[in-house]
Amino acid sequence: MTTWTATTTGRRLAAGLLLGVLLGAAAAPAQRPSPLRFESEVVRLVVAPDSLTVHGFYIMSCDSSRTGLTSLFYPYPQDDRLGGARSLELAVRVRPDTTWQSAEFRELAASRGAHWRLPLAPGDTLEVRTVYRQALHEEFARYIVTTVSGWEHPLRHARFYIELPDGAEPESFSFPFERCDRDGRRVWCYEAVDFRPDRDIDVRWRKP
């Protein structure tokens, strides 16, 4: 998960996970309710000239007596201005354990998303981190948050960072991001609590 951690709290946290039946995302098309409750997320979007790399950190709790593994759908944005996407990493740990373990995932056709397999146990709190990369055809990027509407409860806490290339200037954000540079990097931040968004996170910028 990089140096951005979920302990960072802020003024207003925005967001919804994209995880299909998983976090920030909405529940995957399962026949029974998800045994997980999506609690919070910290997401960093790093824009390069031709790609977007998303670093996601999610916290979920287990609200059921089920054990074993559960499948979650993590969707990638679909737009003509965006290219193919693929996951680079998926890891999980169960509190209070501090050791990250690799988790199984399977990419779906046409870069629609990935199916995750996560462990379950009554009363568990899971920490999940993932990294995925998506090609960019224009100066435009998107991160899915509207799938949070598929969860029973709004997102309690979320924080988003967008890092643009050197010299690039933002033209528009779909949420009121504010400048919050870190370690010399050009970064914009947005956060929210009790959030159930009606639009995804979009950002447009001008080339240097």
Protein backbone atom coordinates (compact mmCIF):
# COMPACT_ATOMS: atom_id res chain seq x y z
CA MET A 1 0.00 0.00 0.00
CA THR A 2 2.67 2.71 -0.26
CA THR A 3 3.11 5.45 2.26
CA TRP A 4 -0.50 6.66 2.25
CA THR A 5 -2.25 5.10 5.22
CA ALA A 6 -5.80 4.84 6.45
CA THR A 7 -4.95 6.55 9.72
CA THR A 8 -4.94 9.91 7.95
CA THR A 9 -8.06 11.80 8.91
CA GLY A 10 -9.19 14.99 7.32
CA ARG A 11 -11.75 17.57 7.02
CA ARG A 12 -14.13 15.84 4.71
CA LEU A 13 -13.76 12.45 3.21
CA ALA A 14 -15.22 11.59 -0.03
CA ALA A 15 -15.82 8.42 -1.38
CA GLY A 16 -16.85 5.23 -2.31
CA LEU A 17 -14.94 2.39 -3.12
CA LEU A 18 -15.13 0.86 -6.26
CA LEU A 19 -15.04 -2.62 -5.16
CA GLY A 20 -17.79 -4.45 -6.70
CA VAL A 21 -19.07 -6.56 -3.98
CA LEU A 22 -16.16 -5.25 -2.17
CA LEU A 23 -15.24 -1.90 -1.09
CA GLY A 24 -15.82 1.32 -2.39
CA ALA A 25 -17.56 -0.55 -4.83
CA ALA A 26 -20.86 -1.98 -4.96
CA ALA A 27 -21.86 -5.45 -4.18
CA ALA A 28 -21.15 -7.88 -6.92
CA PRO A 29 -24.09 -9.56 -8.52
CA ALA A 30 -24.32 -12.21 -5.82
CA GLN A 31 -27.48 -14.05 -4.88
CA ARG A 32 -27.12 -13.29 -1.19
CA PRO A 33 -26.02 -10.15 0.65
CA SER A 34 -22.32 -9.57 1.07
CA PRO A 35 -21.02 -10.73 4.47
CA LEU A 36 -18.74 -7.69 4.47
CA ARG A 37 -19.43 -4.12 5.49
CA PHE A 38 -17.34 -1.48 3.75
CA GLU A 39 -16.00 0.93 6.37
CA SER A 40 -13.36 3.25 4.89
CA GLU A 41 -10.82 3.78 2.14
CA VAL A 42 -7.72 5.75 1.26
CA VAL A 43 -7.06 5.97 -2.47
CA ARG A 44 -4.17 7.56 -4.36
CA LEU A 45 -4.48 8.23 -8.10
CA VAL A 46 -1.13 8.81 -9.81
CA VAL A 47 -1.44 10.24 -13.32
CA ALA A 48 1.34 9.66 -15.86
CA PRO A 49 1.36 10.94 -19.46
CA ASP A 50 -0.22 7.72 -20.77
CA SER A 51 -1.61 5.88 -17.74
CA LEU A 52 -3.29 6.09 -14.34
CA THR A 53 -2.07 4.01 -11.42
CA VAL A 54 -4.53 3.57 -8.55
CA HIS A 55 -3.30 2.63 -5.06
CA GLY A 56 -6.25 1.59 -2.92
CA PHE A 57 -6.40 0.80 0.82
CA TYR A 58 -9.73 -0.43 2.18
CA ILE A 59 -11.08 -1.47 5.57
CA MET A 60 -14.02 -3.87 5.85
CA SER A 61 -15.70 -5.71 8.70
CA CYS A 62 -17.40 -9.09 8.65
CA ASP A 63 -21.06 -8.84 9.71
CA SER A 64 -21.97 -12.50 9.35
CA SER A 65 -21.23 -15.89 10.85
CA ARG A 66 -19.88 -17.18 7.55
CA THR A 67 -16.32 -18.47 7.32
CA GLY A 68 -14.04 -19.38 4.44
CA LEU A 69 -13.69 -17.15 1.39
CA THR A 70 -15.99 -14.65 -0.28
CA SER A 71 -15.88 -13.31 -3.85
CA LEU A 72 -15.94 -9.58 -4.51
CA PHE A 73 -16.11 -7.73 -7.80
CA TYR A 74 -13.75 -4.76 -8.27
CA PRO A 75 -14.73 -2.79 -11.40
CA TYR A 76 -12.52 -0.69 -13.65
CA PRO A 77 -13.91 2.48 -15.31
CA GLN A 78 -15.32 2.04 -18.82
CA ASP A 79 -15.00 5.07 -21.13
CA ASP A 80 -13.82 5.74 -24.69
CA ARG A 81 -11.20 8.10 -23.26
CA LEU A 82 -9.72 5.26 -21.19
CA GLY A 83 -7.86 2.16 -22.27
CA GLY A 84 -7.41 -1.29 -20.79
CA ALA A 85 -6.78 -1.88 -17.09
CA ARG A 86 -5.22 -4.65 -15.03
CA SER A 87 -4.43 -5.28 -11.39
CA LEU A 88 -0.81 -5.37 -10.27
CA GLU A 89 -1.30 -6.34 -6.62
CA LEU A 90 -3.90 -7.58 -4.15
CA ALA A 91 -3.04 -8.22 -0.50
CA VAL A 92 -5.04 -8.67 2.70
CA ARG A 93 -4.47 -8.87 6.44
CA VAL A 94 -6.85 -9.60 9.31
CA ARG A 95 -6.56 -7.35 12.33
CA PRO A 96 -4.70 -7.44 14.64
CA ASP A 97 -2.29 -9.37 12.40
CA THR A 98 0.33 -7.08 10.88
CA THR A 99 1.46 -9.43 8.11
CA TRP A 100 0.16 -8.84 4.61
CA GLN A 101 -0.77 -11.94 2.61
CA SER A 102 -1.25 -12.12 -1.14
CA ALA A 103 -4.89 -12.65 -2.12
CA GLU A 104 -6.24 -14.38 -5.20
CA PHE A 105 -7.86 -12.37 -7.99
CA ARG A 106 -9.00 -13.06 -11.54
CA GLU A 107 -9.16 -10.49 -14.33
CA LEU A 108 -12.39 -10.31 -16.34
CA ALA A 109 -12.57 -9.95 -20.11
CA ALA A 110 -12.55 -6.53 -21.78
CA SER A 111 -10.91 -4.89 -18.74
CA ARG A 112 -14.27 -4.81 -16.92
CA GLY A 113 -12.74 -5.52 -13.53
CA ALA A 114 -11.35 -8.22 -11.29
CA HIS A 115 -12.92 -10.85 -9.04
CA TRP A 116 -11.30 -10.94 -5.60
CA ARG A 117 -11.24 -13.80 -3.11
CA LEU A 118 -11.05 -12.62 0.49
CA PRO A 119 -11.04 -14.55 3.80
CA LEU A 120 -13.98 -14.43 6.21
CA ALA A 121 -14.44 -15.06 9.92
CA PRO A 122 -17.09 -13.70 12.32
CA GLY A 123 -16.01 -10.40 13.82
CA ASP A 124 -13.03 -10.00 11.51
CA THR A 125 -11.80 -6.62 10.37
CA LEU A 126 -10.02 -6.87 7.03
CA GLU A 127 -7.50 -4.49 5.58
CA VAL A 128 -7.14 -4.79 1.81
CA ARG A 129 -4.71 -3.07 -0.50
CA THR A 130 -4.59 -3.17 -4.26
CA VAL A 131 -2.85 -1.50 -7.17
CA TYR A 132 -4.19 -1.33 -10.71
CA ARG A 133 -3.11 0.53 -13.82
CA GLN A 134 -5.23 1.83 -16.68
CA ALA A 135 -4.20 3.29 -20.03
CA LEU A 136 -5.24 6.88 -20.83
CA HIS A 137 -6.16 8.07 -24.35
CA GLU A 138 -6.75 11.70 -23.36
CA GLU A 139 -6.03 14.08 -20.47
CA PHE A 140 -8.84 12.50 -18.48
CA ALA A 141 -9.02 9.91 -15.70
CA ARG A 142 -11.81 8.36 -13.62
CA TYR A 143 -12.12 6.37 -10.42
CA ILE A 144 -15.41 4.59 -9.66
CA VAL A 145 -17.18 5.54 -6.42
CA THR A 146 -20.87 5.33 -7.34
CA THR A 147 -20.92 1.61 -6.65
CA VAL A 148 -20.97 2.44 -2.95
CA SER A 149 -24.73 2.79 -3.43
CA GLY A 150 -24.83 -1.00 -3.64
CA TRP A 151 -23.84 -1.29 0.00
CA GLU A 152 -26.38 -1.14 2.81
CA HIS A 153 -24.57 1.70 4.59
CA PRO A 154 -22.86 4.85 3.30
CA LEU A 155 -19.09 5.01 3.37
CA ARG A 156 -18.06 6.11 6.85
CA HIS A 157 -14.74 7.61 5.88
CA ALA A 158 -12.70 8.04 2.71
CA ARG A 159 -9.81 10.09 1.46
CA PHE A 160 -8.62 10.60 -2.12
CA TYR A 161 -5.38 11.97 -3.52
CA ILE A 162 -4.75 12.86 -7.16
CA GLU A 163 -1.16 13.36 -8.29
CA LEU A 164 -0.66 15.03 -11.68
CA PRO A 165 2.49 14.98 -13.85
CA ASP A 166 5.00 17.79 -13.48
CA GLY A 167 3.76 20.90 -15.23
CA ALA A 168 0.21 19.62 -15.79
CA GLU A 169 -2.60 21.93 -14.71
CA PRO A 170 -6.02 20.63 -13.62
CA GLU A 171 -9.02 21.84 -15.64
CA SER A 172 -11.82 20.25 -13.64
CA PHE A 173 -12.63 17.83 -10.84
CA SER A 174 -16.02 16.18 -10.27
CA PHE A 175 -15.55 16.83 -6.52
CA PRO A 176 -14.01 19.90 -4.83
CA PHE A 177 -10.41 18.71 -4.58
CA GLU A 178 -7.93 21.09 -2.95
CA ARG A 179 -4.18 21.45 -3.41
CA CYS A 180 -2.19 19.54 -0.78
CA ASP A 181 1.32 19.02 -2.14
CA ARG A 182 3.46 16.36 -0.43
CA ASP A 183 7.22 15.84 -0.62
CA GLY A 184 7.46 18.07 -3.67
CA ARG A 185 4.72 16.24 -5.56
CA ARG A 186 1.76 18.08 -7.07
CA VAL A 187 -1.18 16.58 -5.20
CA TRP A 188 -4.89 17.42 -4.81
CA CYS A 189 -6.98 16.00 -1.96
CA TYR A 190 -10.63 15.39 -1.17
CA GLU A 191 -12.29 13.62 1.74
CA ALA A 192 -15.73 12.97 3.18
CA VAL A 193 -17.69 11.07 5.84
CA ASP A 194 -21.00 9.21 5.65
CA PHE A 195 -20.77 9.49 1.90
CA ARG A 196 -22.97 7.91 -0.77
CA PRO A 197 -21.86 9.61 -4.02
CA ASP A 198 -24.05 10.13 -7.08
CA ARG A 199 -21.10 10.57 -9.47
CA ASP A 200 -17.64 9.13 -9.94
CA ILE A 201 -14.34 10.91 -9.42
CA ASP A 202 -13.29 12.51 -12.72
CA VAL A 203 -10.30 14.72 -13.36
CA ARG A 204 -9.25 16.62 -16.50
CA TRP A 205 -5.96 18.43 -16.96
CA ARG A 206 -3.87 20.32 -19.50
CA LYS A 207 -0.56 18.99 -20.74
CA PRO A 208 2.58 20.82 -19.58
